[in-house]
Amino acid sequence: MQRAAALAPDAAQPRLRGLCMAILDEADNVLLDEAVTPLVISAPHANPERRAFLWQALALARELREPEDFTAERASRRAHLTEYGRERLGLLSAGLGAPWRMRRRAEEAVAMALAALHLYRRDRDYVIADDRVVIVDPHTGRTAPGRAWSQGLHGLIELKERKPLSADTRTLAQITYQRFFPRYLRLAGMSGTLREAHRELRSVYGLSVVEVPLRRPSRRLRLPARLFGTGPQRWQPLIDRIRELHASRRPVLIGTGSVADSEALGCALAQARIPHSVLNARHHREEAAIVARAGRPGAVTIATQMAGRGTDVVLEPGTRELGGLHVIDCQEAAPRRLERQLAGRCARQGDPGSCERWLPLDSKAWEKPSASILRRLIRYLNRNGTARRPQWLIRGWILAHQWAEERRGAHARRLVLQQDRAWQRRSSFTSAAE
C-alpha cells in the first residue's frame, strides 16, 4: 500500500477492501488473553464532578473493614458490601450530595473503590511511569500504555496513588475480539500453546488446532517441583540454587509472577553479590540487550512474563556443553499455557536445557479450603521445610487449580462477549455501535 501511494501520490489513497485474511502470531494471546479487553473508540467527555465523586468514594471505602463491612473475591478482583456495610455506608454518606442519594450507584462506586484499594497492587497490576498509572498486561508482563480500566476503576487507582486524574472519556464504539476476528474470510494463526484451548477456539472462532511435530527431538529435562511454606521462605534456598548454577557457568532464567517479586529477588541477589539482570515492565526499553546477554555462560536473568512469550534466548558457544539454559519457574500457580511458555525458553531447536518449579504453600493454588488437608499432608511428609515428594500429589493439585483458573478465564471471556452483544443492540438505535 505504501509503494502504491508513492507511485501515485495524486491518486486516491488505497483502502482495505473488506476483511479477507488474517494470520496471527501468538494466536492464543490475541484470541484468548486479549479477548477480555474490547476494542474501544472513545472521545473526551467533560465531567467536572467526576474527581470529587471518585475521591469521596475512595474516602468512604477507607472507612470500611473486612469482613464486617465487605468481602473480597481475590480471584475475580471484586468487592461486595455486606448488609452491615450497606447500612454503614448510608450513615457515612449522609449529607454528601445528590449522587450519594442514589443507593445503587453509591454502593457500586464504593465497591469499586474497595477493589482499587485492596485487590489491585502496585508493581503487580500496574506501575507508575512518567507520573502516570500504566497497566501491566497480566499475560505478557509488559506495560500497556493507552489502556485504562473502565467504570471509574482507573481514576480510583490514580487517586489512590496520588497521581493526576486522566481525562474522562465516553465510548463511541466497541467490539470484542470474539466478534471482530470471525469477520475475516480466512483466519489462521500459530503458537506453541494452543493445545489447552482447542475447545474454546473451535466454539468461538470455528478454528481447528493442528499440532506440528518438533523439527528436532526435545532434550528438555523437567526436574521435580519444590514447595515452601511461604513465598519469602523460598528466597534463600533459591539464592543458593542460583549460586550453584552460576558457579557451574550455566545460564539461568528465573521467572517471577510480578514486578515486585522480580525486584525483591534482584535485591536479594545483589546482597549475595551474584551478578544478574532484571527484565520487567520497568526495564522494557532494555529488553533486547538483556535477552541477548541471557544465553552467555554464567548469566543470571530475572524476568516476569515478558520472557515467557516470543523470547528466543540464543546460547553462546560453550553453554551447550554445560547443559544449556536452566529455567526456574517461581510464578505462583501460573496457567498451563504460561507455564509452558516459560519452560519453552530452554531446550529450543534441539539444544539441551532443564526447568523446575518452585511454589509456596501460601500461593493462590492453595487458598481454597479443600487445600488445607493437602497442605498438612505435604508438610507432614516433608518435615525438612521443602517438598520434593510426593510429586504426583503436588502436580495433580497444581493441574486441578490450573484447570479451574482456565475455566474461570473462559467464563470471563463469555461474559465480555455477552456484554458486547448487549451494548451493540442498545447502540444500534443510535447508529453508534461500530
Protein backbone atom coordinates (compact mmCIF):
# COMPACT_ATOMS: atom_id res chain seq x y z
CA MET A 1 0.00 0.00 0.00
CA GLN A 2 2.84 2.39 0.81
CA ARG A 3 4.52 1.58 -2.52
CA ALA A 4 1.27 2.22 -4.43
CA ALA A 5 0.83 5.57 -2.68
CA ALA A 6 4.43 6.56 -3.53
CA LEU A 7 3.98 5.68 -7.21
CA ALA A 8 0.72 7.58 -7.49
CA PRO A 9 0.77 10.38 -4.92
CA ASP A 10 -2.07 12.26 -6.56
CA ALA A 11 -4.34 9.24 -6.78
CA ALA A 12 -6.87 8.31 -4.16
CA GLN A 13 -5.42 6.71 -1.07
CA PRO A 14 -5.54 2.88 -1.15
CA ARG A 15 -8.12 1.35 1.14
CA LEU A 16 -8.69 -2.01 2.74
CA ARG A 17 -11.50 -3.70 0.81
CA GLY A 18 -13.08 -5.96 3.36
CA LEU A 19 -11.53 -8.38 5.83
CA CYS A 20 -10.05 -11.04 3.58
CA MET A 21 -7.35 -12.87 5.55
CA ALA A 22 -5.58 -12.63 8.90
CA ILE A 23 -2.59 -14.66 10.14
CA LEU A 24 -1.94 -14.20 13.85
CA ASP A 25 1.36 -14.73 15.62
CA GLU A 26 0.96 -15.98 19.22
CA ALA A 27 -2.67 -16.68 18.36
CA ASP A 28 -3.74 -17.76 21.85
CA ASN A 29 -2.52 -14.45 23.29
CA VAL A 30 -4.58 -12.49 20.75
CA LEU A 31 -7.71 -14.63 20.60
CA LEU A 32 -7.90 -15.60 24.28
CA ASP A 33 -5.79 -13.47 26.62
CA GLU A 34 -6.54 -10.16 24.91
CA ALA A 35 -10.19 -11.11 24.38
CA VAL A 36 -11.18 -9.85 27.84
CA THR A 37 -10.44 -6.27 26.68
CA PRO A 38 -12.81 -4.93 23.97
CA LEU A 39 -11.54 -2.72 21.17
CA VAL A 40 -12.94 0.70 22.06
CA ILE A 41 -13.18 4.00 20.21
CA SER A 42 -13.67 6.81 22.72
CA ALA A 43 -13.77 10.59 22.81
CA PRO A 44 -13.05 13.16 25.54
CA HIS A 45 -16.01 13.88 27.75
CA ALA A 46 -16.04 16.74 30.21
CA ASN A 47 -17.27 15.73 33.67
CA PRO A 48 -16.17 18.26 36.32
CA GLU A 49 -17.92 16.38 39.15
CA ARG A 50 -16.10 13.10 38.48
CA ARG A 51 -13.00 13.80 40.56
CA ALA A 52 -14.98 14.82 43.63
CA PHE A 53 -17.25 11.77 43.36
CA LEU A 54 -14.33 9.34 43.00
CA TRP A 55 -12.43 10.99 45.84
CA GLN A 56 -15.46 10.67 48.11
CA ALA A 57 -15.90 7.00 47.12
CA LEU A 58 -12.25 6.31 47.98
CA ALA A 59 -12.53 8.11 51.32
CA LEU A 60 -15.65 6.14 52.23
CA ALA A 61 -14.02 2.86 51.22
CA ARG A 62 -11.12 3.54 53.58
CA GLU A 63 -13.60 3.65 56.48
CA LEU A 64 -14.90 0.13 55.80
CA ARG A 65 -13.34 -3.01 57.26
CA GLU A 66 -13.16 -6.60 56.07
CA PRO A 67 -15.06 -8.87 56.75
CA GLU A 68 -17.59 -6.86 58.79
CA ASP A 69 -18.38 -4.32 56.07
CA PHE A 70 -17.33 -6.11 52.88
CA THR A 71 -15.99 -9.34 51.43
CA ALA A 72 -13.31 -9.58 48.73
CA GLU A 73 -13.12 -12.08 45.88
CA ARG A 74 -9.43 -12.03 45.06
CA ALA A 75 -9.70 -14.36 42.08
CA SER A 76 -12.17 -12.11 40.25
CA ARG A 77 -10.97 -8.89 41.97
CA ARG A 78 -14.39 -7.86 43.15
CA ALA A 79 -15.57 -6.50 46.48
CA HIS A 80 -19.10 -6.94 47.84
CA LEU A 81 -20.69 -4.94 50.64
CA THR A 82 -22.32 -6.87 53.45
CA GLU A 83 -25.72 -5.88 54.82
CA TYR A 84 -23.99 -4.19 57.74
CA GLY A 85 -21.62 -2.47 55.29
CA ARG A 86 -24.55 -1.08 53.29
CA GLU A 87 -26.12 0.36 56.42
CA ARG A 88 -22.81 1.88 57.49
CA LEU A 89 -22.26 3.35 54.04
CA GLY A 90 -25.67 5.01 54.26
CA LEU A 91 -24.69 6.65 57.52
CA LEU A 92 -21.24 7.72 56.29
CA SER A 93 -22.53 9.18 53.00
CA ALA A 94 -25.41 11.15 54.53
CA GLY A 95 -25.16 14.77 53.51
CA LEU A 96 -22.55 14.28 50.76
CA GLY A 97 -24.76 15.40 47.90
CA ALA A 98 -27.19 14.25 45.25
CA PRO A 99 -25.09 11.43 43.67
CA TRP A 100 -24.94 9.63 47.02
CA ARG A 101 -28.71 9.59 47.39
CA MET A 102 -28.90 7.01 44.61
CA ARG A 103 -28.24 3.92 46.69
CA ARG A 104 -27.30 1.52 43.90
CA ARG A 105 -24.82 3.93 42.29
CA ALA A 106 -23.26 4.72 45.66
CA GLU A 107 -22.79 1.04 46.54
CA GLU A 108 -21.27 0.25 43.13
CA ALA A 109 -18.83 3.17 43.39
CA VAL A 110 -17.68 2.19 46.89
CA ALA A 111 -17.35 -1.48 45.88
CA MET A 112 -15.12 -0.39 43.00
CA ALA A 113 -13.10 1.80 45.37
CA LEU A 114 -12.65 -1.17 47.72
CA ALA A 115 -11.30 -3.21 44.80
CA ALA A 116 -8.89 -0.40 43.91
CA LEU A 117 -7.63 -0.24 47.50
CA HIS A 118 -7.32 -3.93 48.35
CA LEU A 119 -7.30 -6.02 45.16
CA TYR A 120 -5.13 -4.04 42.71
CA ARG A 121 -1.48 -3.82 43.70
CA ARG A 122 1.29 -1.55 42.51
CA ASP A 123 4.17 -3.32 40.71
CA ARG A 124 1.93 -6.29 40.07
CA ASP A 125 -1.15 -4.98 38.25
CA TYR A 126 0.28 -1.58 37.30
CA VAL A 127 3.40 0.56 37.53
CA ILE A 128 3.97 4.28 37.86
CA ALA A 129 5.71 5.70 34.79
CA ASP A 130 6.08 9.40 33.98
CA ASP A 131 3.79 10.21 36.91
CA ARG A 132 1.01 8.10 35.38
CA VAL A 133 -0.63 4.80 36.25
CA VAL A 134 0.25 2.33 33.47
CA ILE A 135 -1.41 -1.08 33.37
CA VAL A 136 0.79 -4.18 33.29
CA ASP A 137 -0.60 -6.86 30.99
CA PRO A 138 -1.12 -9.94 33.22
CA HIS A 139 -0.35 -12.34 30.36
CA THR A 140 2.76 -10.76 28.83
CA GLY A 141 4.19 -8.79 31.77
CA ARG A 142 4.59 -5.76 29.53
CA THR A 143 3.16 -2.31 30.11
CA ALA A 144 0.07 -1.38 28.12
CA PRO A 145 0.21 2.39 27.51
CA GLY A 146 -3.12 3.85 26.48
CA ARG A 147 -5.13 1.08 28.11
CA ALA A 148 -7.39 2.03 31.02
CA TRP A 149 -9.70 0.22 33.39
CA SER A 150 -13.34 1.09 32.97
CA GLN A 151 -16.19 2.12 35.29
CA GLY A 152 -14.03 4.59 37.19
CA LEU A 153 -11.53 1.99 38.42
CA HIS A 154 -8.57 3.63 36.66
CA GLY A 155 -9.37 7.00 38.19
CA LEU A 156 -9.74 5.47 41.64
CA ILE A 157 -6.30 3.87 41.39
CA GLU A 158 -4.84 7.19 40.20
CA LEU A 159 -6.31 8.92 43.25
CA LYS A 160 -5.09 6.09 45.49
CA GLU A 161 -1.53 6.64 44.17
CA ARG A 162 -1.98 10.45 44.32
CA LYS A 163 -1.38 10.88 40.59
CA PRO A 164 -3.09 13.26 38.12
CA LEU A 165 -6.52 12.08 37.08
CA SER A 166 -6.82 11.04 33.44
CA ALA A 167 -9.25 12.88 31.21
CA ASP A 168 -12.73 11.39 31.27
CA THR A 169 -13.93 9.71 28.08
CA ARG A 170 -17.12 8.24 26.70
CA THR A 171 -17.37 5.18 24.48
CA LEU A 172 -18.36 5.86 20.88
CA ALA A 173 -18.00 2.30 19.56
CA GLN A 174 -16.66 -1.01 20.74
CA ILE A 175 -16.26 -4.58 19.59
CA THR A 176 -14.70 -7.64 21.19
CA TYR A 177 -12.06 -9.82 19.57
CA GLN A 178 -14.61 -12.65 19.61
CA ARG A 179 -16.87 -10.68 17.25
CA PHE A 180 -14.14 -8.99 15.21
CA PHE A 181 -11.87 -11.81 14.06
CA PRO A 182 -14.62 -14.19 12.83
CA ARG A 183 -15.47 -11.49 10.26
CA TYR A 184 -12.34 -12.38 8.32
CA LEU A 185 -12.98 -14.63 5.36
CA ARG A 186 -9.91 -16.67 6.28
CA LEU A 187 -8.39 -16.74 9.75
CA ALA A 188 -5.30 -18.64 10.87
CA GLY A 189 -2.58 -18.38 13.48
CA MET A 190 0.25 -20.11 15.24
CA SER A 191 1.52 -20.55 18.78
CA GLY A 192 3.30 -23.11 20.90
CA THR A 193 0.50 -23.20 23.50
CA LEU A 194 -2.76 -23.72 21.65
CA ARG A 195 -3.46 -27.27 22.75
CA GLU A 196 -5.07 -26.33 26.08
CA ALA A 197 -7.60 -24.00 24.41
CA HIS A 198 -8.65 -26.05 21.38
CA ARG A 199 -12.29 -26.37 22.52
CA GLU A 200 -12.78 -22.63 23.02
CA LEU A 201 -11.07 -21.80 19.73
CA ARG A 202 -13.44 -24.13 17.89
CA SER A 203 -16.62 -22.99 19.65
CA VAL A 204 -15.94 -19.22 19.44
CA TYR A 205 -13.86 -18.81 16.28
CA GLY A 206 -14.60 -22.03 14.40
CA LEU A 207 -10.88 -22.87 14.24
CA SER A 208 -9.27 -26.29 14.47
CA VAL A 209 -5.90 -26.85 16.14
CA VAL A 210 -3.32 -28.84 14.18
CA GLU A 211 -0.23 -29.97 16.05
CA VAL A 212 3.03 -29.64 14.13
CA PRO A 213 5.78 -32.08 15.21
CA LEU A 214 9.07 -30.71 16.50
CA ARG A 215 11.82 -30.22 13.94
CA ARG A 216 14.29 -31.83 16.32
CA PRO A 217 13.65 -34.10 19.34
CA SER A 218 13.26 -32.19 22.59
CA ARG A 219 16.11 -32.51 25.10
CA ARG A 220 14.31 -30.60 27.86
CA LEU A 221 14.76 -32.09 31.33
CA ARG A 222 11.98 -31.39 33.87
CA LEU A 223 13.15 -31.54 37.46
CA PRO A 224 10.81 -32.24 40.42
CA ALA A 225 8.75 -29.34 41.75
CA ARG A 226 9.63 -27.91 45.14
CA LEU A 227 7.22 -26.45 47.71
CA PHE A 228 7.91 -23.99 50.54
CA GLY A 229 5.81 -22.83 53.47
CA THR A 230 5.61 -19.20 52.32
CA GLY A 231 6.88 -17.09 49.46
CA PRO A 232 9.70 -15.40 51.45
CA GLN A 233 10.93 -18.77 52.74
CA ARG A 234 12.00 -19.84 49.27
CA TRP A 235 14.31 -16.87 48.59
CA GLN A 236 17.38 -18.12 50.47
CA PRO A 237 17.23 -21.69 49.05
CA LEU A 238 16.63 -20.11 45.65
CA ILE A 239 19.72 -17.91 46.01
CA ASP A 240 21.75 -20.99 46.98
CA ARG A 241 20.45 -22.82 43.92
CA ILE A 242 21.30 -19.87 41.65
CA ARG A 243 24.77 -19.59 43.18
CA GLU A 244 25.33 -23.30 42.46
CA LEU A 245 24.26 -22.96 38.82
CA HIS A 246 26.19 -19.71 38.40
CA ALA A 247 29.35 -21.40 39.72
CA SER A 248 28.94 -24.12 37.08
CA ARG A 249 28.72 -21.36 34.40
CA ARG A 250 25.25 -22.39 33.26
CA PRO A 251 22.94 -19.54 32.20
CA VAL A 252 19.88 -19.27 34.45
CA LEU A 253 16.46 -17.68 33.82
CA ILE A 254 14.18 -17.14 36.84
CA GLY A 255 10.54 -16.39 36.07
CA THR A 256 8.53 -14.40 38.64
CA GLY A 257 4.87 -13.51 38.75
CA SER A 258 5.12 -9.76 39.29
CA VAL A 259 7.38 -6.73 39.04
CA ALA A 260 7.59 -6.59 42.84
CA ASP A 261 8.79 -10.20 43.09
CA SER A 262 11.41 -9.66 40.41
CA GLU A 263 12.70 -6.54 42.17
CA ALA A 264 12.77 -8.31 45.56
CA LEU A 265 14.74 -11.23 44.16
CA GLY A 266 17.07 -8.82 42.38
CA CYS A 267 17.83 -7.07 45.68
CA ALA A 268 18.49 -10.43 47.36
CA LEU A 269 20.90 -11.45 44.59
CA ALA A 270 22.66 -8.08 44.83
CA GLN A 271 23.19 -8.62 48.56
CA ALA A 272 24.57 -12.09 47.76
CA ARG A 273 26.91 -10.45 45.21
CA ILE A 274 25.62 -12.52 42.31
CA PRO A 275 25.69 -10.51 39.05
CA HIS A 276 22.31 -10.53 37.34
CA SER A 277 19.90 -8.67 35.06
CA VAL A 278 16.23 -7.87 35.72
CA LEU A 279 13.68 -7.80 32.92
CA ASN A 280 10.26 -6.42 33.85
CA ALA A 281 7.86 -3.63 32.95
CA ARG A 282 10.24 -1.04 34.46
CA HIS A 283 13.13 -2.08 32.19
CA HIS A 284 11.24 -2.80 28.95
CA ARG A 285 13.46 -0.42 26.98
CA GLU A 286 16.45 -2.67 27.75
CA GLU A 287 14.65 -5.88 26.78
CA ALA A 288 16.67 -6.64 23.63
CA ALA A 289 20.02 -6.15 25.39
CA ILE A 290 19.01 -8.23 28.44
CA VAL A 291 17.73 -11.11 26.29
CA ALA A 292 20.92 -11.00 24.19
CA ARG A 293 23.02 -11.49 27.37
CA ALA A 294 20.79 -14.21 28.86
CA GLY A 295 22.46 -17.04 26.91
CA ARG A 296 26.01 -16.23 27.97
CA PRO A 297 27.90 -18.64 30.28
CA GLY A 298 27.06 -17.85 33.91
CA ALA A 299 24.38 -15.27 33.04
CA VAL A 300 21.60 -14.85 35.62
CA THR A 301 18.38 -13.23 34.38
CA ILE A 302 15.26 -12.48 36.44
CA ALA A 303 12.14 -11.86 34.38
CA THR A 304 8.38 -11.54 34.62
CA GLN A 305 6.08 -12.97 31.94
CA MET A 306 7.91 -10.71 29.47
CA ALA A 307 10.43 -13.53 28.92
CA GLY A 308 7.77 -16.21 28.57
CA ARG A 309 6.38 -15.43 25.13
CA GLY A 310 8.15 -14.68 21.88
CA THR A 311 11.59 -14.55 23.52
CA ASP A 312 14.39 -16.59 21.99
CA VAL A 313 17.42 -16.94 24.29
CA VAL A 314 20.33 -17.76 22.00
CA LEU A 315 23.03 -19.87 23.67
CA GLU A 316 26.59 -18.71 23.16
CA PRO A 317 29.37 -21.19 22.32
CA GLY A 318 30.29 -23.38 25.26
CA THR A 319 26.94 -23.22 27.10
CA ARG A 320 25.50 -26.30 25.37
CA GLU A 321 28.28 -28.47 26.76
CA LEU A 322 27.44 -27.16 30.26
CA GLY A 323 23.81 -28.27 29.97
CA GLY A 324 22.20 -25.27 28.29
CA LEU A 325 19.78 -22.78 29.83
CA HIS A 326 18.18 -23.66 33.16
CA VAL A 327 14.73 -22.17 33.92
CA ILE A 328 13.38 -21.78 37.45
CA ASP A 329 9.65 -21.01 37.45
CA CYS A 330 8.65 -19.04 40.57
CA GLN A 331 5.27 -17.91 39.24
CA GLU A 332 2.55 -18.70 41.73
CA ALA A 333 0.44 -21.40 40.02
CA ALA A 334 0.51 -19.83 36.56
CA PRO A 335 -1.94 -21.23 33.97
CA ARG A 336 -0.71 -24.15 31.91
CA ARG A 337 -0.12 -22.04 28.83
CA LEU A 338 2.04 -19.51 30.70
CA GLU A 339 3.90 -22.29 32.49
CA ARG A 340 4.74 -23.99 29.19
CA GLN A 341 5.71 -20.67 27.60
CA LEU A 342 8.32 -20.03 30.28
CA ALA A 343 9.62 -23.62 30.24
CA GLY A 344 9.87 -23.33 26.45
CA ARG A 345 12.66 -20.74 26.74
CA CYS A 346 15.10 -23.60 27.39
CA ALA A 347 15.98 -26.59 25.19
CA ARG A 348 14.92 -24.92 21.94
CA GLN A 349 15.78 -26.25 18.49
CA GLY A 350 17.32 -29.43 19.88
CA ASP A 351 19.53 -27.64 22.43
CA PRO A 352 19.93 -29.11 25.93
CA GLY A 353 18.17 -27.43 28.84
CA SER A 354 16.25 -28.01 32.06
CA CYS A 355 13.48 -26.45 34.11
CA GLU A 356 11.91 -26.72 37.56
CA ARG A 357 9.09 -25.10 39.56
CA TRP A 358 9.33 -23.53 43.00
CA LEU A 359 5.96 -22.86 44.66
CA PRO A 360 4.98 -21.51 48.10
CA LEU A 361 2.13 -23.12 50.01
CA ASP A 362 0.56 -19.67 50.50
CA SER A 363 0.07 -19.11 46.76
CA LYS A 364 -3.34 -18.88 45.07
CA ALA A 365 -3.29 -22.60 44.26
CA TRP A 366 -3.56 -23.40 47.98
CA GLU A 367 -6.07 -20.77 49.10
CA LYS A 368 -9.19 -22.93 48.81
CA PRO A 369 -10.49 -24.60 52.00
CA SER A 370 -10.13 -28.03 50.38
CA ALA A 371 -6.37 -27.45 50.14
CA SER A 372 -5.85 -27.28 53.92
CA ILE A 373 -5.82 -31.09 54.28
CA LEU A 374 -3.39 -31.37 51.40
CA ARG A 375 -1.10 -28.73 52.93
CA ARG A 376 -0.99 -30.60 56.23
CA LEU A 377 -0.29 -33.89 54.45
CA ILE A 378 2.59 -32.44 52.42
CA ARG A 379 4.08 -30.72 55.47
CA TYR A 380 3.88 -33.99 57.40
CA LEU A 381 5.56 -35.95 54.61
CA ASN A 382 8.24 -33.28 54.19
CA ARG A 383 9.27 -32.09 57.63
CA ASN A 384 12.56 -30.52 56.48
CA GLY A 385 10.89 -27.37 55.07
CA THR A 386 10.98 -28.25 51.36
CA ALA A 387 8.91 -30.76 49.47
CA ARG A 388 10.16 -32.92 46.63
CA ARG A 389 7.68 -35.79 47.09
CA PRO A 390 5.04 -36.97 46.53
CA GLN A 391 5.32 -35.39 43.08
CA TRP A 392 2.10 -36.93 41.78
CA LEU A 393 0.16 -35.26 44.58
CA ILE A 394 1.80 -31.86 44.02
CA ARG A 395 1.42 -31.97 40.25
CA GLY A 396 -2.15 -33.23 40.44
CA TRP A 397 -3.23 -30.38 42.70
CA ILE A 398 -1.49 -27.76 40.56
CA LEU A 399 -3.18 -29.13 37.43
CA ALA A 400 -6.58 -29.06 39.16
CA HIS A 401 -6.04 -25.42 40.13
CA GLN A 402 -4.88 -24.52 36.64
CA TRP A 403 -7.90 -26.22 35.10
CA ALA A 404 -10.22 -24.26 37.42
CA GLU A 405 -8.44 -20.98 36.53
CA GLU A 406 -8.77 -21.75 32.81
CA ARG A 407 -12.50 -22.36 33.23
CA ARG A 408 -12.83 -19.08 35.11
CA GLY A 409 -10.98 -17.27 32.31
CA ALA A 410 -13.21 -18.83 29.65
CA HIS A 411 -16.28 -17.79 31.65
CA ALA A 412 -14.98 -14.21 31.90
CA ARG A 413 -14.47 -14.10 28.12
CA ARG A 414 -18.02 -15.34 27.57
CA LEU A 415 -19.35 -12.58 29.82
CA VAL A 416 -17.36 -9.96 27.88
CA LEU A 417 -18.84 -11.26 24.64
CA GLN A 418 -22.39 -11.21 26.06
CA GLN A 419 -21.92 -7.67 27.35
CA ASP A 420 -20.55 -6.59 23.99
CA ARG A 421 -23.54 -8.02 22.16
CA ALA A 422 -25.91 -6.31 24.59
CA TRP A 423 -24.05 -2.98 24.13
CA GLN A 424 -24.25 -3.43 20.35
CA ARG A 425 -28.03 -4.00 20.50
CA ARG A 426 -28.56 -0.90 22.63
CA SER A 427 -26.31 1.25 20.46
CA SER A 428 -27.76 0.10 17.15
CA PHE A 429 -30.64 2.54 17.59
CA THR A 430 -28.20 5.48 17.50
CA SER A 431 -26.01 4.09 14.65
CA ALA A 432 -23.03 4.24 17.02
CA ALA A 433 -22.44 0.54 17.58
CA GLU A 434 -19.43 0.13 15.25
